[in-house]
């Protein structure tokens, strides 16, 4: 896939910047994830039906939630917890603005943000991703949210 970032360029001005996706650590290293790992509770026929529905329905607003986990190293980049939470909230604000600007009927909401109890930032992003997935049961990682993310 492609990776884009939405950057402000003045009042009521936003610029989409395309990032390359040929980073050596992402193209040469194999992950332990399969498509079933991404949604283990979804069977193939359900997924096919949902994909068809999504292709036909381009106007129904859908909201999904994200549980944010962060490492101590991420926390240490901020002078206070308040500053860190403002930054995390900004991620959600900018993402939702990107959906609005692109006429995509999606909205993301932060479920919660917590310090991960065991993970520390390491150089090997593939290993860190695998460690994150294995760090606790899936339901605990999700913490009742639709998805989860780790900020490092």
C-alpha atoms as a PDB file:
ATOM      1  CA  UNK A   1       0.000   0.000   0.000  1.00  0.00           C
ATOM      2  CA  UNK A   2       0.826   3.646   0.029  1.00  0.00           C
ATOM      3  CA  UNK A   3       1.525   5.838   3.021  1.00  0.00           C
ATOM      4  CA  UNK A   4       0.410   9.478   3.134  1.00  0.00           C
ATOM      5  CA  UNK A   5       0.627  12.236   5.715  1.00  0.00           C
ATOM      6  CA  UNK A   6      -1.676  15.242   5.941  1.00  0.00           C
ATOM      7  CA  UNK A   7       0.284  18.422   6.611  1.00  0.00           C
ATOM      8  CA  UNK A   8      -1.103  21.887   7.220  1.00  0.00           C
ATOM      9  CA  UNK A   9       0.188  24.596   4.867  1.00  0.00           C
ATOM     10  CA  UNK A  10      -1.729  27.640   6.109  1.00  0.00           C
ATOM     11  CA  UNK A  11      -5.261  28.636   6.978  1.00  0.00           C
ATOM     12  CA  UNK A  12      -7.716  26.184   5.396  1.00  0.00           C
ATOM     13  CA  UNK A  13      -4.811  24.659   3.470  1.00  0.00           C
ATOM     14  CA  UNK A  14      -3.709  21.046   3.749  1.00  0.00           C
ATOM     15  CA  UNK A  15      -1.186  19.089   1.742  1.00  0.00           C
ATOM     16  CA  UNK A  16      -1.093  15.319   1.263  1.00  0.00           C
ATOM     17  CA  UNK A  17       2.505  14.086   1.175  1.00  0.00           C
ATOM     18  CA  UNK A  18       3.216  10.629  -0.193  1.00  0.00           C
ATOM     19  CA  UNK A  19       5.868   8.627   1.626  1.00  0.00           C
ATOM     20  CA  UNK A  20       7.870   5.883   0.036  1.00  0.00           C
ATOM     21  CA  UNK A  21       7.205   2.409   1.340  1.00  0.00           C
ATOM     22  CA  UNK A  22      10.447   0.777   0.355  1.00  0.00           C
ATOM     23  CA  UNK A  23      12.158   0.977   3.725  1.00  0.00           C
ATOM     24  CA  UNK A  24      14.611  -1.875   3.925  1.00  0.00           C
ATOM     25  CA  UNK A  25      13.445  -3.046   7.350  1.00  0.00           C
ATOM     26  CA  UNK A  26       9.879  -3.339   6.048  1.00  0.00           C
ATOM     27  CA  UNK A  27      10.568  -4.908   2.663  1.00  0.00           C
ATOM     28  CA  UNK A  28      13.210  -7.478   3.597  1.00  0.00           C
ATOM     29  CA  UNK A  29      11.921  -8.744   6.927  1.00  0.00           C
ATOM     30  CA  UNK A  30       9.087 -11.216   7.133  1.00  0.00           C
ATOM     31  CA  UNK A  31       6.435 -10.778   9.815  1.00  0.00           C
ATOM     32  CA  UNK A  32       4.664 -13.559  11.609  1.00  0.00           C
ATOM     33  CA  UNK A  33       1.247 -12.130  10.750  1.00  0.00           C
ATOM     34  CA  UNK A  34      -1.258 -13.629   8.344  1.00  0.00           C
ATOM     35  CA  UNK A  35      -4.466 -12.064   7.059  1.00  0.00           C
ATOM     36  CA  UNK A  36      -6.340 -14.157   9.626  1.00  0.00           C
ATOM     37  CA  UNK A  37      -4.266 -12.519  12.386  1.00  0.00           C
ATOM     38  CA  UNK A  38      -5.534  -9.115  11.317  1.00  0.00           C
ATOM     39  CA  UNK A  39      -9.129 -10.140  11.949  1.00  0.00           C
ATOM     40  CA  UNK A  40      -9.222 -13.619  13.472  1.00  0.00           C
ATOM     41  CA  UNK A  41     -12.950 -13.492  14.260  1.00  0.00           C
ATOM     42  CA  UNK A  42     -13.998 -12.713  10.697  1.00  0.00           C
ATOM     43  CA  UNK A  43     -14.646 -15.582   8.318  1.00  0.00           C
ATOM     44  CA  UNK A  44     -13.993 -15.279   4.582  1.00  0.00           C
ATOM     45  CA  UNK A  45     -17.637 -15.120   3.485  1.00  0.00           C
ATOM     46  CA  UNK A  46     -18.405 -12.394   6.031  1.00  0.00           C
ATOM     47  CA  UNK A  47     -15.379 -10.448   4.859  1.00  0.00           C
ATOM     48  CA  UNK A  48     -16.444 -10.766   1.216  1.00  0.00           C
ATOM     49  CA  UNK A  49     -19.927  -9.490   2.091  1.00  0.00           C
ATOM     50  CA  UNK A  50     -18.521  -6.582   4.094  1.00  0.00           C
ATOM     51  CA  UNK A  51     -16.142  -5.653   1.272  1.00  0.00           C
ATOM     52  CA  UNK A  52     -19.033  -5.655  -1.220  1.00  0.00           C
ATOM     53  CA  UNK A  53     -21.173  -3.561   1.132  1.00  0.00           C
ATOM     54  CA  UNK A  54     -18.314  -1.090   1.616  1.00  0.00           C
ATOM     55  CA  UNK A  55     -17.913  -0.767  -2.147  1.00  0.00           C
ATOM     56  CA  UNK A  56     -21.602   0.001  -2.612  1.00  0.00           C
ATOM     57  CA  UNK A  57     -22.232   2.225   0.413  1.00  0.00           C
ATOM     58  CA  UNK A  58     -20.064   5.315   0.205  1.00  0.00           C
ATOM     59  CA  UNK A  59     -22.110   7.594   2.461  1.00  0.00           C
ATOM     60  CA  UNK A  60     -22.816   5.853   5.779  1.00  0.00           C
ATOM     61  CA  UNK A  61     -20.613   7.344   8.487  1.00  0.00           C
ATOM     62  CA  UNK A  62     -18.667   4.688  10.366  1.00  0.00           C
ATOM     63  CA  UNK A  63     -16.796   5.318  13.598  1.00  0.00           C
ATOM     64  CA  UNK A  64     -14.052   3.032  14.818  1.00  0.00           C
ATOM     65  CA  UNK A  65     -12.108   3.191  18.058  1.00  0.00           C
ATOM     66  CA  UNK A  66      -8.402   2.782  18.750  1.00  0.00           C
ATOM     67  CA  UNK A  67      -6.731   1.760  21.989  1.00  0.00           C
ATOM     68  CA  UNK A  68      -3.398   3.575  22.214  1.00  0.00           C
ATOM     69  CA  UNK A  69      -0.454   1.977  23.985  1.00  0.00           C
ATOM     70  CA  UNK A  70       2.844   3.816  24.321  1.00  0.00           C
ATOM     71  CA  UNK A  71       6.363   2.986  25.441  1.00  0.00           C
ATOM     72  CA  UNK A  72       8.268   4.765  28.223  1.00  0.00           C
ATOM     73  CA  UNK A  73      10.557   6.176  25.532  1.00  0.00           C
ATOM     74  CA  UNK A  74       7.574   7.751  23.755  1.00  0.00           C
ATOM     75  CA  UNK A  75       6.374   9.244  27.053  1.00  0.00           C
ATOM     76  CA  UNK A  76       9.854  10.649  27.722  1.00  0.00           C
ATOM     77  CA  UNK A  77       9.728  12.782  24.554  1.00  0.00           C
ATOM     78  CA  UNK A  78       7.145  15.049  26.238  1.00  0.00           C
ATOM     79  CA  UNK A  79       7.573  17.436  29.148  1.00  0.00           C
ATOM     80  CA  UNK A  80       4.273  16.346  30.730  1.00  0.00           C
ATOM     81  CA  UNK A  81       1.465  13.828  30.444  1.00  0.00           C
ATOM     82  CA  UNK A  82      -0.791  16.689  29.348  1.00  0.00           C
ATOM     83  CA  UNK A  83       1.508  17.515  26.415  1.00  0.00           C
ATOM     84  CA  UNK A  84       1.618  13.853  25.404  1.00  0.00           C
ATOM     85  CA  UNK A  85      -2.172  13.523  25.517  1.00  0.00           C
ATOM     86  CA  UNK A  86      -2.563  16.708  23.453  1.00  0.00           C
ATOM     87  CA  UNK A  87      -0.242  15.194  20.835  1.00  0.00           C
ATOM     88  CA  UNK A  88      -2.215  11.927  20.808  1.00  0.00           C
ATOM     89  CA  UNK A  89      -5.482  13.847  20.486  1.00  0.00           C
ATOM     90  CA  UNK A  90      -3.947  15.790  17.587  1.00  0.00           C
ATOM     91  CA  UNK A  91      -3.280  12.503  15.773  1.00  0.00           C
ATOM     92  CA  UNK A  92      -7.012  11.739  15.937  1.00  0.00           C
ATOM     93  CA  UNK A  93      -8.026  15.285  14.978  1.00  0.00           C
ATOM     94  CA  UNK A  94      -5.757  15.293  11.921  1.00  0.00           C
ATOM     95  CA  UNK A  95      -6.840  11.810  10.883  1.00  0.00           C
ATOM     96  CA  UNK A  96     -10.509  12.802  11.083  1.00  0.00           C
ATOM     97  CA  UNK A  97      -9.802  16.010   9.151  1.00  0.00           C
ATOM     98  CA  UNK A  98      -8.134  13.908   6.478  1.00  0.00           C
ATOM     99  CA  UNK A  99     -11.249  11.739   6.227  1.00  0.00           C
ATOM    100  CA  UNK A 100     -13.425  14.865   5.932  1.00  0.00           C
ATOM    101  CA  UNK A 101     -11.177  16.470   3.306  1.00  0.00           C
ATOM    102  CA  UNK A 102     -11.162  13.242   1.303  1.00  0.00           C
ATOM    103  CA  UNK A 103     -14.940  12.713   1.582  1.00  0.00           C
ATOM    104  CA  UNK A 104     -14.359   9.400   3.343  1.00  0.00           C
ATOM    105  CA  UNK A 105     -17.273   8.630   5.690  1.00  0.00           C
ATOM    106  CA  UNK A 106     -15.057   7.487   8.570  1.00  0.00           C
ATOM    107  CA  UNK A 107     -14.350   8.829  12.011  1.00  0.00           C
ATOM    108  CA  UNK A 108     -11.744   7.520  14.432  1.00  0.00           C
ATOM    109  CA  UNK A 109     -12.011   7.983  18.160  1.00  0.00           C
ATOM    110  CA  UNK A 110      -9.484   7.395  20.906  1.00  0.00           C
ATOM    111  CA  UNK A 111     -10.687   4.708  23.292  1.00  0.00           C
ATOM    112  CA  UNK A 112      -7.897   5.237  25.815  1.00  0.00           C
ATOM    113  CA  UNK A 113      -4.136   5.755  26.026  1.00  0.00           C
ATOM    114  CA  UNK A 114      -1.970   3.787  28.451  1.00  0.00           C
ATOM    115  CA  UNK A 115       1.670   3.028  29.096  1.00  0.00           C
ATOM    116  CA  UNK A 116       2.350  -0.498  27.880  1.00  0.00           C
ATOM    117  CA  UNK A 117       3.240  -2.582  30.944  1.00  0.00           C
ATOM    118  CA  UNK A 118       6.156  -4.516  29.396  1.00  0.00           C
ATOM    119  CA  UNK A 119       7.385  -3.033  26.114  1.00  0.00           C
ATOM    120  CA  UNK A 120      10.335  -0.740  25.507  1.00  0.00           C
ATOM    121  CA  UNK A 121      11.351   0.765  22.173  1.00  0.00           C
ATOM    122  CA  UNK A 122      13.946  -1.276  20.265  1.00  0.00           C
ATOM    123  CA  UNK A 123      15.710  -0.810  16.913  1.00  0.00           C
ATOM    124  CA  UNK A 124      14.114  -3.856  15.251  1.00  0.00           C
ATOM    125  CA  UNK A 125      10.620  -2.641  14.318  1.00  0.00           C
ATOM    126  CA  UNK A 126       9.558  -6.092  13.130  1.00  0.00           C
ATOM    127  CA  UNK A 127      10.523  -7.658  16.448  1.00  0.00           C
ATOM    128  CA  UNK A 128       8.792  -4.847  18.338  1.00  0.00           C
ATOM    129  CA  UNK A 129       5.599  -5.377  16.339  1.00  0.00           C
ATOM    130  CA  UNK A 130       5.696  -9.099  17.041  1.00  0.00           C
ATOM    131  CA  UNK A 131       6.438  -8.457  20.722  1.00  0.00           C
ATOM    132  CA  UNK A 132       3.476  -6.074  20.851  1.00  0.00           C
ATOM    133  CA  UNK A 133       1.133  -8.658  19.333  1.00  0.00           C
ATOM    134  CA  UNK A 134       2.385 -11.309  21.760  1.00  0.00           C
ATOM    135  CA  UNK A 135       2.553  -9.058  24.844  1.00  0.00           C
ATOM    136  CA  UNK A 136      -0.931  -9.857  26.108  1.00  0.00           C
ATOM    137  CA  UNK A 137      -4.139 -11.538  24.944  1.00  0.00           C
ATOM    138  CA  UNK A 138      -5.834  -9.821  22.012  1.00  0.00           C
ATOM    139  CA  UNK A 139      -8.839  -8.728  24.055  1.00  0.00           C
ATOM    140  CA  UNK A 140      -6.525  -7.079  26.589  1.00  0.00           C
ATOM    141  CA  UNK A 141      -4.615  -5.275  23.821  1.00  0.00           C
ATOM    142  CA  UNK A 142      -7.879  -4.017  22.348  1.00  0.00           C
ATOM    143  CA  UNK A 143      -9.284  -3.077  25.770  1.00  0.00           C
ATOM    144  CA  UNK A 144     -12.792  -3.066  24.213  1.00  0.00           C
ATOM    145  CA  UNK A 145     -11.678  -0.910  21.230  1.00  0.00           C
ATOM    146  CA  UNK A 146     -11.973  -1.900  17.567  1.00  0.00           C
ATOM    147  CA  UNK A 147      -8.224  -1.649  16.964  1.00  0.00           C
ATOM    148  CA  UNK A 148      -5.005  -0.917  18.785  1.00  0.00           C
ATOM    149  CA  UNK A 149      -1.811   1.014  18.140  1.00  0.00           C
ATOM    150  CA  UNK A 150       1.589   1.299  19.780  1.00  0.00           C
ATOM    151  CA  UNK A 151       3.350   4.665  19.874  1.00  0.00           C
ATOM    152  CA  UNK A 152       7.125   4.447  20.233  1.00  0.00           C
END
